């Protein structure tokens, strides 16, 4: 995966997280045709860049809002 593809995936994951509709990491992996480990690595990079992104077990989705735990 090159940098352009990775940055595109980051934007798509963030957009889905804002909509609270990413699904579980395994679901994202299937959707984007990458490994679950790659999904988790990209999510880590998003967090390291300063974006508040967490996984909500109740919504089964990554979310950007603090109110969802």
Protein backbone atom coordinates (compact mmCIF):
# COMPACT_ATOMS: atom_id res chain seq x y z
CA UNK A 1 0.00 0.00 0.00
CA UNK A 2 1.48 3.34 -1.00
CA UNK A 3 1.13 6.62 0.92
CA UNK A 4 -1.67 7.92 -1.31
CA UNK A 5 -3.74 4.78 -0.70
CA UNK A 6 -3.08 4.95 3.05
CA UNK A 7 -4.11 8.62 3.25
CA UNK A 8 -7.26 7.84 1.26
CA UNK A 9 -8.13 5.03 3.67
CA UNK A 10 -7.56 7.34 6.65
CA UNK A 11 -10.01 9.86 5.19
CA UNK A 12 -12.59 7.16 4.49
CA UNK A 13 -12.27 5.68 7.99
CA UNK A 14 -12.63 9.12 9.58
CA UNK A 15 -15.69 9.90 7.48
CA UNK A 16 -17.30 6.58 8.46
CA UNK A 17 -16.37 7.20 12.13
CA UNK A 18 -18.10 10.59 12.02
CA UNK A 19 -21.18 8.78 10.72
CA UNK A 20 -20.68 6.11 13.41
CA UNK A 21 -20.84 3.39 10.78
CA UNK A 22 -17.40 1.82 10.43
CA UNK A 23 -18.34 -1.56 11.84
CA UNK A 24 -15.78 -3.68 13.66
CA UNK A 25 -12.14 -3.73 12.52
CA UNK A 26 -12.79 -7.05 10.77
CA UNK A 27 -15.70 -5.46 8.87
CA UNK A 28 -13.49 -2.58 7.75
CA UNK A 29 -10.83 -5.02 6.61
CA UNK A 30 -13.33 -6.82 4.41
CA UNK A 31 -14.78 -3.55 3.08
CA UNK A 32 -11.37 -2.15 2.13
CA UNK A 33 -9.84 -5.50 1.14
CA UNK A 34 -6.96 -5.19 3.59
CA UNK A 35 -5.98 -7.12 6.71
CA UNK A 36 -7.47 -6.41 10.11
CA UNK A 37 -3.96 -5.64 11.32
CA UNK A 38 -3.65 -2.95 8.62
CA UNK A 39 -6.94 -1.42 9.78
CA UNK A 40 -5.67 -1.27 13.35
CA UNK A 41 -2.36 0.21 12.19
CA UNK A 42 -4.16 2.94 10.22
CA UNK A 43 -6.42 3.71 13.19
CA UNK A 44 -3.34 4.00 15.41
CA UNK A 45 -1.79 6.45 12.94
CA UNK A 46 -4.99 8.53 12.94
CA UNK A 47 -4.86 8.66 16.75
CA UNK A 48 -1.16 9.54 16.76
CA UNK A 49 -1.95 12.47 14.45
CA UNK A 50 -4.13 13.88 17.24
CA UNK A 51 -7.62 12.84 16.20
CA UNK A 52 -9.87 11.52 18.96
CA UNK A 53 -10.99 8.17 17.60
CA UNK A 54 -12.25 5.34 19.77
CA UNK A 55 -14.11 2.11 19.32
CA UNK A 56 -17.62 1.97 20.78
CA UNK A 57 -18.57 -1.58 21.74
CA UNK A 58 -22.25 -0.65 21.95
CA UNK A 59 -22.32 0.82 18.42
CA UNK A 60 -19.78 -1.69 17.08
CA UNK A 61 -18.08 1.20 15.31
CA UNK A 62 -15.22 3.60 15.62
CA UNK A 63 -16.56 6.99 16.67
CA UNK A 64 -15.15 10.48 16.99
CA UNK A 65 -17.52 11.67 19.72
CA UNK A 66 -16.44 11.49 23.37
CA UNK A 67 -20.00 10.68 24.47
CA UNK A 68 -19.86 7.17 23.03
CA UNK A 69 -17.89 4.70 25.10
